[in-house]
Amino acid sequence: MRETAEDLSNEAEILDQFAAQFMCGWRKLGSGGKYRIDAILHKNNAMKAWVEVKDYESGLFLGLNIPKYQEGMTLARDTEIPFLFVFRHEGRIGYIKVHEGGAWADCKVDIKMGGGTPPGRDPLPDDIEPLAFFSQDEVIWLK
């Protein structure tokens, strides 16, 4: 509901590049109320990863709101399919394997208040909230 047409276009560009790197396809999940996270990666009709996508022109923000974080973690645990946080920062695509899929995750998070509104948009009342922040050490950059 918060995504603009430009946001969706940028998200599709990122997912196209990311999926091509791993020779798979993707399908949009979010924006319909059923899922909070953005997409699923798939190959030969097999699901390969749950994905949340962000696009940052500047200021790498390695955080997810708690509902998205919880949903991705639960889906990964229950389906044994990884949960990835994929992003573009200054034109580069990077990702964090938030959960490997299965019983537990090795990726550590720091829960803090944070958030904000992208420049040029009116702030929503819930923009400052608890977030799961990831270490930059967890980032894997695509070549």
N, C-alpha and C. Protein backbone atom coordinates (compact mmCIF):
# COMPACT_ATOMS: atom_id res chain seq x y z
N MET A 1 0.82 -1.19 0.00
CA MET A 1 0.00 0.00 0.00
C MET A 1 0.86 1.26 0.00
N ARG A 2 2.10 1.16 0.46
CA ARG A 2 2.97 2.32 0.50
C ARG A 2 3.83 2.43 -0.75
N GLU A 3 3.82 1.41 -1.59
CA GLU A 3 4.70 1.40 -2.75
C GLU A 3 4.09 2.20 -3.90
N THR A 4 4.90 3.09 -4.47
CA THR A 4 4.48 3.85 -5.64
C THR A 4 4.77 3.03 -6.90
N ALA A 5 4.28 3.51 -8.03
CA ALA A 5 4.57 2.84 -9.31
C ALA A 5 6.07 2.82 -9.56
N GLU A 6 6.76 3.91 -9.19
CA GLU A 6 8.21 3.96 -9.35
C GLU A 6 8.90 2.95 -8.44
N ASP A 7 8.41 2.80 -7.20
CA ASP A 7 8.96 1.80 -6.28
C ASP A 7 8.84 0.40 -6.89
N LEU A 8 7.68 0.09 -7.43
CA LEU A 8 7.45 -1.24 -8.01
C LEU A 8 8.33 -1.48 -9.23
N SER A 9 8.53 -0.44 -10.04
CA SER A 9 9.40 -0.56 -11.20
C SER A 9 10.85 -0.81 -10.77
N ASN A 10 11.32 -0.05 -9.77
CA ASN A 10 12.68 -0.24 -9.25
C ASN A 10 12.85 -1.63 -8.65
N GLU A 11 11.84 -2.08 -7.91
CA GLU A 11 11.87 -3.41 -7.31
C GLU A 11 12.00 -4.47 -8.40
N ALA A 12 11.24 -4.34 -9.48
CA ALA A 12 11.29 -5.30 -10.59
C ALA A 12 12.69 -5.31 -11.23
N GLU A 13 13.30 -4.14 -11.41
CA GLU A 13 14.66 -4.07 -11.96
C GLU A 13 15.64 -4.84 -11.08
N ILE A 14 15.54 -4.62 -9.78
CA ILE A 14 16.44 -5.29 -8.84
C ILE A 14 16.24 -6.79 -8.88
N LEU A 15 14.97 -7.22 -8.84
CA LEU A 15 14.68 -8.65 -8.87
C LEU A 15 15.10 -9.29 -10.19
N ASP A 16 14.93 -8.57 -11.31
CA ASP A 16 15.39 -9.10 -12.60
C ASP A 16 16.89 -9.36 -12.58
N GLN A 17 17.67 -8.39 -12.08
CA GLN A 17 19.12 -8.54 -12.03
C GLN A 17 19.53 -9.65 -11.06
N PHE A 18 18.91 -9.66 -9.91
CA PHE A 18 19.25 -10.66 -8.90
C PHE A 18 18.91 -12.07 -9.38
N ALA A 19 17.71 -12.25 -9.91
CA ALA A 19 17.28 -13.57 -10.39
C ALA A 19 18.16 -14.05 -11.54
N ALA A 20 18.53 -13.15 -12.43
CA ALA A 20 19.39 -13.53 -13.56
C ALA A 20 20.74 -14.05 -13.07
N GLN A 21 21.28 -13.44 -12.01
CA GLN A 21 22.56 -13.87 -11.45
C GLN A 21 22.49 -15.33 -10.99
N PHE A 22 21.33 -15.74 -10.49
CA PHE A 22 21.17 -17.10 -9.96
C PHE A 22 20.35 -17.99 -10.89
N MET A 23 20.16 -17.52 -12.13
CA MET A 23 19.45 -18.28 -13.18
C MET A 23 18.11 -18.80 -12.69
N CYS A 24 17.30 -17.91 -12.17
CA CYS A 24 15.96 -18.29 -11.73
C CYS A 24 14.98 -17.17 -12.07
N GLY A 25 13.73 -17.39 -11.80
CA GLY A 25 12.70 -16.38 -12.00
C GLY A 25 12.21 -15.86 -10.67
N TRP A 26 11.28 -14.91 -10.72
CA TRP A 26 10.71 -14.36 -9.49
C TRP A 26 9.24 -14.05 -9.71
N ARG A 27 8.53 -13.99 -8.60
CA ARG A 27 7.10 -13.65 -8.63
C ARG A 27 6.82 -12.70 -7.48
N LYS A 28 6.10 -11.63 -7.77
CA LYS A 28 5.72 -10.64 -6.76
C LYS A 28 4.70 -11.25 -5.81
N LEU A 29 4.88 -11.02 -4.50
CA LEU A 29 3.95 -11.53 -3.50
C LEU A 29 3.21 -10.43 -2.76
N GLY A 30 3.92 -9.38 -2.39
CA GLY A 30 3.36 -8.35 -1.52
C GLY A 30 2.32 -7.48 -2.20
N SER A 31 1.92 -6.44 -1.50
CA SER A 31 0.98 -5.42 -1.96
C SER A 31 -0.45 -5.90 -2.07
N GLY A 32 -0.73 -7.13 -1.80
CA GLY A 32 -2.10 -7.61 -1.86
C GLY A 32 -2.67 -7.96 -0.50
N GLY A 33 -1.89 -7.82 0.53
CA GLY A 33 -2.38 -8.11 1.87
C GLY A 33 -2.10 -9.52 2.35
N LYS A 34 -1.83 -10.44 1.43
CA LYS A 34 -1.59 -11.82 1.85
C LYS A 34 -0.19 -12.01 2.44
N TYR A 35 0.80 -11.34 1.84
CA TYR A 35 2.18 -11.42 2.32
C TYR A 35 2.71 -10.03 2.59
N ARG A 36 3.59 -9.91 3.57
CA ARG A 36 4.26 -8.63 3.84
C ARG A 36 5.54 -8.51 3.02
N ILE A 37 6.21 -9.64 2.76
CA ILE A 37 7.45 -9.59 2.00
C ILE A 37 7.14 -9.53 0.51
N ASP A 38 8.14 -9.15 -0.27
CA ASP A 38 7.92 -8.76 -1.66
C ASP A 38 7.78 -9.88 -2.69
N ALA A 39 8.61 -10.91 -2.60
CA ALA A 39 8.66 -11.84 -3.74
C ALA A 39 9.16 -13.22 -3.33
N ILE A 40 9.04 -14.12 -4.28
CA ILE A 40 9.60 -15.47 -4.15
C ILE A 40 10.47 -15.71 -5.38
N LEU A 41 11.65 -16.30 -5.18
CA LEU A 41 12.48 -16.75 -6.30
C LEU A 41 12.11 -18.19 -6.58
N HIS A 42 12.11 -18.56 -7.87
CA HIS A 42 11.75 -19.94 -8.22
C HIS A 42 12.57 -20.40 -9.43
N LYS A 43 12.71 -21.71 -9.52
CA LYS A 43 13.40 -22.31 -10.66
C LYS A 43 12.74 -23.65 -10.94
N ASN A 44 12.33 -23.86 -12.18
CA ASN A 44 11.65 -25.09 -12.59
C ASN A 44 10.48 -25.41 -11.65
N ASN A 45 9.68 -24.39 -11.35
CA ASN A 45 8.49 -24.49 -10.49
C ASN A 45 8.81 -24.83 -9.03
N ALA A 46 10.08 -24.83 -8.66
CA ALA A 46 10.46 -25.06 -7.26
C ALA A 46 10.81 -23.71 -6.62
N MET A 47 10.28 -23.47 -5.44
CA MET A 47 10.58 -22.24 -4.72
C MET A 47 12.01 -22.32 -4.19
N LYS A 48 12.77 -21.22 -4.37
CA LYS A 48 14.17 -21.19 -3.97
C LYS A 48 14.46 -20.22 -2.83
N ALA A 49 13.71 -19.11 -2.72
CA ALA A 49 13.95 -18.16 -1.63
C ALA A 49 12.79 -17.17 -1.52
N TRP A 50 12.51 -16.75 -0.28
CA TRP A 50 11.61 -15.65 0.01
C TRP A 50 12.46 -14.39 -0.02
N VAL A 51 11.94 -13.28 -0.56
CA VAL A 51 12.77 -12.10 -0.75
C VAL A 51 12.05 -10.81 -0.36
N GLU A 52 12.75 -9.99 0.41
CA GLU A 52 12.33 -8.60 0.66
C GLU A 52 13.31 -7.72 -0.10
N VAL A 53 12.80 -6.69 -0.80
CA VAL A 53 13.61 -5.87 -1.69
C VAL A 53 13.55 -4.39 -1.27
N LYS A 54 14.71 -3.73 -1.30
CA LYS A 54 14.80 -2.30 -1.03
C LYS A 54 15.72 -1.66 -2.06
N ASP A 55 15.48 -0.39 -2.34
CA ASP A 55 16.29 0.37 -3.28
C ASP A 55 16.77 1.64 -2.60
N TYR A 56 18.09 1.81 -2.51
CA TYR A 56 18.67 2.97 -1.84
C TYR A 56 19.60 3.70 -2.80
N GLU A 57 19.27 4.95 -3.10
CA GLU A 57 20.17 5.76 -3.92
C GLU A 57 21.40 6.14 -3.12
N SER A 58 21.20 6.41 -1.85
CA SER A 58 22.32 6.71 -0.96
C SER A 58 21.91 6.27 0.43
N GLY A 59 22.85 6.20 1.33
CA GLY A 59 22.54 5.82 2.70
C GLY A 59 22.03 4.41 2.85
N LEU A 60 22.92 3.45 2.82
CA LEU A 60 22.56 2.05 2.96
C LEU A 60 21.87 1.82 4.31
N PHE A 61 20.63 1.38 4.28
CA PHE A 61 19.80 1.19 5.48
C PHE A 61 19.52 -0.30 5.62
N LEU A 62 20.25 -0.97 6.48
CA LEU A 62 20.15 -2.42 6.61
C LEU A 62 19.18 -2.78 7.72
N GLY A 63 17.93 -2.43 7.54
CA GLY A 63 16.91 -2.73 8.53
C GLY A 63 15.59 -3.11 7.89
N LEU A 64 14.87 -3.98 8.59
CA LEU A 64 13.52 -4.38 8.18
C LEU A 64 12.58 -4.16 9.35
N ASN A 65 11.33 -3.78 9.05
CA ASN A 65 10.39 -3.65 10.15
C ASN A 65 10.09 -5.04 10.72
N ILE A 66 9.69 -5.06 11.95
CA ILE A 66 9.52 -6.33 12.67
C ILE A 66 8.49 -7.26 12.00
N PRO A 67 7.32 -6.77 11.55
CA PRO A 67 6.39 -7.69 10.89
C PRO A 67 6.99 -8.37 9.65
N LYS A 68 7.75 -7.63 8.81
CA LYS A 68 8.38 -8.26 7.64
C LYS A 68 9.45 -9.25 8.08
N TYR A 69 10.25 -8.84 9.05
CA TYR A 69 11.30 -9.72 9.57
C TYR A 69 10.69 -11.02 10.11
N GLN A 70 9.66 -10.90 10.92
CA GLN A 70 9.03 -12.09 11.51
C GLN A 70 8.43 -12.98 10.43
N GLU A 71 7.76 -12.38 9.46
CA GLU A 71 7.15 -13.19 8.40
C GLU A 71 8.21 -13.95 7.62
N GLY A 72 9.28 -13.25 7.23
CA GLY A 72 10.35 -13.92 6.49
C GLY A 72 10.99 -15.03 7.29
N MET A 73 11.23 -14.79 8.57
CA MET A 73 11.83 -15.82 9.43
C MET A 73 10.91 -17.03 9.57
N THR A 74 9.62 -16.78 9.77
CA THR A 74 8.66 -17.87 9.93
C THR A 74 8.54 -18.68 8.64
N LEU A 75 8.44 -17.99 7.51
CA LEU A 75 8.34 -18.69 6.22
C LEU A 75 9.59 -19.55 5.98
N ALA A 76 10.77 -18.99 6.26
CA ALA A 76 12.02 -19.74 6.06
C ALA A 76 12.06 -20.97 6.95
N ARG A 77 11.73 -20.78 8.22
CA ARG A 77 11.76 -21.90 9.17
C ARG A 77 10.77 -22.99 8.77
N ASP A 78 9.54 -22.59 8.47
CA ASP A 78 8.48 -23.57 8.22
C ASP A 78 8.58 -24.25 6.86
N THR A 79 9.16 -23.56 5.86
CA THR A 79 9.24 -24.15 4.52
C THR A 79 10.63 -24.69 4.20
N GLU A 80 11.61 -24.36 5.06
CA GLU A 80 13.01 -24.73 4.84
C GLU A 80 13.56 -24.13 3.56
N ILE A 81 13.06 -22.92 3.23
CA ILE A 81 13.52 -22.16 2.07
C ILE A 81 14.10 -20.85 2.61
N PRO A 82 15.28 -20.43 2.15
CA PRO A 82 15.92 -19.23 2.69
C PRO A 82 15.09 -17.95 2.55
N PHE A 83 15.36 -17.01 3.45
CA PHE A 83 14.78 -15.67 3.41
C PHE A 83 15.92 -14.70 3.16
N LEU A 84 15.83 -13.94 2.06
CA LEU A 84 16.88 -13.01 1.65
C LEU A 84 16.39 -11.56 1.71
N PHE A 85 17.25 -10.68 2.13
CA PHE A 85 17.03 -9.24 2.07
C PHE A 85 17.91 -8.74 0.93
N VAL A 86 17.30 -8.35 -0.19
CA VAL A 86 18.00 -7.96 -1.41
C VAL A 86 17.83 -6.45 -1.59
N PHE A 87 18.90 -5.76 -1.98
CA PHE A 87 18.82 -4.32 -2.12
C PHE A 87 19.77 -3.82 -3.19
N ARG A 88 19.46 -2.63 -3.67
CA ARG A 88 20.36 -1.91 -4.58
C ARG A 88 20.81 -0.67 -3.84
N HIS A 89 22.12 -0.46 -3.83
CA HIS A 89 22.70 0.71 -3.18
C HIS A 89 23.69 1.34 -4.14
N GLU A 90 23.40 2.58 -4.52
CA GLU A 90 24.25 3.30 -5.46
C GLU A 90 24.56 2.47 -6.70
N GLY A 91 23.53 1.77 -7.20
CA GLY A 91 23.67 0.99 -8.43
C GLY A 91 24.16 -0.43 -8.27
N ARG A 92 24.66 -0.80 -7.10
CA ARG A 92 25.15 -2.17 -6.86
C ARG A 92 24.06 -2.99 -6.19
N ILE A 93 23.99 -4.27 -6.53
CA ILE A 93 23.03 -5.18 -5.90
C ILE A 93 23.76 -5.98 -4.83
N GLY A 94 23.17 -5.99 -3.65
CA GLY A 94 23.69 -6.77 -2.55
C GLY A 94 22.56 -7.53 -1.88
N TYR A 95 22.93 -8.47 -1.03
CA TYR A 95 21.90 -9.20 -0.28
C TYR A 95 22.47 -9.72 1.03
N ILE A 96 21.52 -10.03 1.90
CA ILE A 96 21.83 -10.66 3.18
C ILE A 96 20.98 -11.91 3.28
N LYS A 97 21.61 -13.03 3.60
CA LYS A 97 20.85 -14.25 3.84
C LYS A 97 20.39 -14.18 5.29
N VAL A 98 19.16 -13.70 5.49
CA VAL A 98 18.63 -13.48 6.83
C VAL A 98 18.39 -14.80 7.53
N HIS A 99 17.86 -15.76 6.80
CA HIS A 99 17.60 -17.09 7.37
C HIS A 99 17.88 -18.12 6.29
N GLU A 100 18.62 -19.13 6.65
CA GLU A 100 19.04 -20.19 5.72
C GLU A 100 17.88 -21.12 5.35
N GLY A 101 16.85 -21.15 6.16
CA GLY A 101 15.77 -22.12 5.99
C GLY A 101 16.01 -23.26 6.96
N GLY A 102 14.99 -23.71 7.64
CA GLY A 102 15.16 -24.79 8.61
C GLY A 102 14.96 -24.32 10.03
N ALA A 103 15.66 -24.93 10.96
CA ALA A 103 15.39 -24.75 12.38
C ALA A 103 15.77 -23.38 12.93
N TRP A 104 16.90 -22.80 12.52
CA TRP A 104 17.31 -21.52 13.08
C TRP A 104 18.15 -20.74 12.09
N ALA A 105 18.38 -19.48 12.42
CA ALA A 105 19.17 -18.60 11.56
C ALA A 105 20.46 -18.21 12.26
N ASP A 106 21.52 -18.05 11.49
CA ASP A 106 22.80 -17.61 12.03
C ASP A 106 22.98 -16.10 11.95
N CYS A 107 22.18 -15.42 11.15
CA CYS A 107 22.30 -13.98 10.97
C CYS A 107 21.81 -13.26 12.22
N LYS A 108 22.70 -12.49 12.82
CA LYS A 108 22.35 -11.75 14.04
C LYS A 108 21.68 -10.43 13.68
N VAL A 109 20.74 -10.01 14.52
CA VAL A 109 20.09 -8.72 14.33
C VAL A 109 20.17 -7.91 15.62
N ASP A 110 20.05 -6.62 15.46
CA ASP A 110 20.01 -5.70 16.58
C ASP A 110 18.66 -4.98 16.49
N ILE A 111 17.80 -5.14 17.47
CA ILE A 111 16.48 -4.52 17.45
C ILE A 111 16.58 -3.13 18.08
N LYS A 112 16.24 -2.11 17.28
CA LYS A 112 16.29 -0.72 17.73
C LYS A 112 15.14 0.04 17.10
N MET A 113 14.83 1.20 17.67
CA MET A 113 13.87 2.09 17.06
C MET A 113 14.54 2.75 15.86
N GLY A 114 13.80 2.90 14.79
CA GLY A 114 14.36 3.51 13.59
C GLY A 114 13.28 3.74 12.57
N GLY A 115 13.71 3.96 11.35
CA GLY A 115 12.77 4.16 10.26
C GLY A 115 12.92 5.55 9.69
N GLY A 116 11.92 5.95 8.99
CA GLY A 116 11.94 7.26 8.34
C GLY A 116 11.21 7.20 7.03
N THR A 117 11.05 8.33 6.45
CA THR A 117 10.34 8.49 5.20
C THR A 117 11.32 8.88 4.11
N PRO A 118 11.23 8.25 2.94
CA PRO A 118 12.13 8.66 1.85
C PRO A 118 11.96 10.15 1.53
N PRO A 119 13.02 10.82 1.11
CA PRO A 119 12.93 12.24 0.78
C PRO A 119 11.83 12.50 -0.25
N GLY A 120 11.09 13.58 -0.04
CA GLY A 120 10.05 13.97 -0.97
C GLY A 120 8.69 13.36 -0.70
N ARG A 121 8.57 12.50 0.31
CA ARG A 121 7.28 11.89 0.64
C ARG A 121 6.78 12.41 1.97
N ASP A 122 5.47 12.47 2.12
CA ASP A 122 4.88 12.86 3.40
C ASP A 122 5.06 11.73 4.39
N PRO A 123 5.52 12.04 5.60
CA PRO A 123 5.72 10.98 6.60
C PRO A 123 4.39 10.40 7.08
N LEU A 124 4.38 9.11 7.30
CA LEU A 124 3.24 8.43 7.88
C LEU A 124 3.45 8.33 9.38
N PRO A 125 2.37 8.26 10.15
CA PRO A 125 2.52 8.30 11.61
C PRO A 125 3.31 7.14 12.21
N ASP A 126 3.40 6.02 11.51
CA ASP A 126 4.10 4.85 12.06
C ASP A 126 5.49 4.65 11.47
N ASP A 127 6.08 5.71 10.91
CA ASP A 127 7.39 5.56 10.27
C ASP A 127 8.55 5.33 11.23
N ILE A 128 8.40 5.70 12.49
CA ILE A 128 9.43 5.38 13.48
C ILE A 128 8.90 4.22 14.31
N GLU A 129 9.59 3.09 14.23
CA GLU A 129 9.09 1.85 14.83
C GLU A 129 10.27 0.94 15.17
N PRO A 130 10.03 -0.15 15.90
CA PRO A 130 11.10 -1.12 16.12
C PRO A 130 11.50 -1.77 14.80
N LEU A 131 12.80 -1.89 14.60
CA LEU A 131 13.34 -2.49 13.38
C LEU A 131 14.41 -3.52 13.72
N ALA A 132 14.55 -4.51 12.85
CA ALA A 132 15.64 -5.48 12.93
C ALA A 132 16.76 -4.97 12.03
N PHE A 133 17.88 -4.58 12.62
CA PHE A 133 19.03 -4.08 11.87
C PHE A 133 20.07 -5.18 11.71
N PHE A 134 20.69 -5.21 10.53
CA PHE A 134 21.71 -6.20 10.20
C PHE A 134 23.07 -5.54 10.11
N SER A 135 24.11 -6.31 10.37
CA SER A 135 25.47 -5.82 10.27
C SER A 135 25.89 -5.76 8.80
N GLN A 136 26.68 -4.76 8.47
CA GLN A 136 27.21 -4.66 7.11
C GLN A 136 28.12 -5.85 6.80
N ASP A 137 28.62 -6.53 7.82
CA ASP A 137 29.44 -7.72 7.62
C ASP A 137 28.65 -8.86 6.98
N GLU A 138 27.33 -8.82 7.07
CA GLU A 138 26.47 -9.87 6.50
C GLU A 138 26.21 -9.68 5.01
N VAL A 139 26.54 -8.50 4.46
CA VAL A 139 26.22 -8.18 3.06
C VAL A 139 27.10 -8.96 2.10
N ILE A 140 26.47 -9.52 1.08
CA ILE A 140 27.14 -10.17 -0.03
C ILE A 140 26.82 -9.33 -1.27
N TRP A 141 27.83 -8.82 -1.95
CA TRP A 141 27.63 -7.99 -3.13
C TRP A 141 27.75 -8.84 -4.39
N LEU A 142 26.81 -8.65 -5.32
CA LEU A 142 26.92 -9.34 -6.60
C LEU A 142 28.03 -8.71 -7.42
N LYS A 143 28.66 -9.50 -8.23
CA LYS A 143 29.75 -9.00 -9.07
C LYS A 143 29.23 -8.38 -10.33
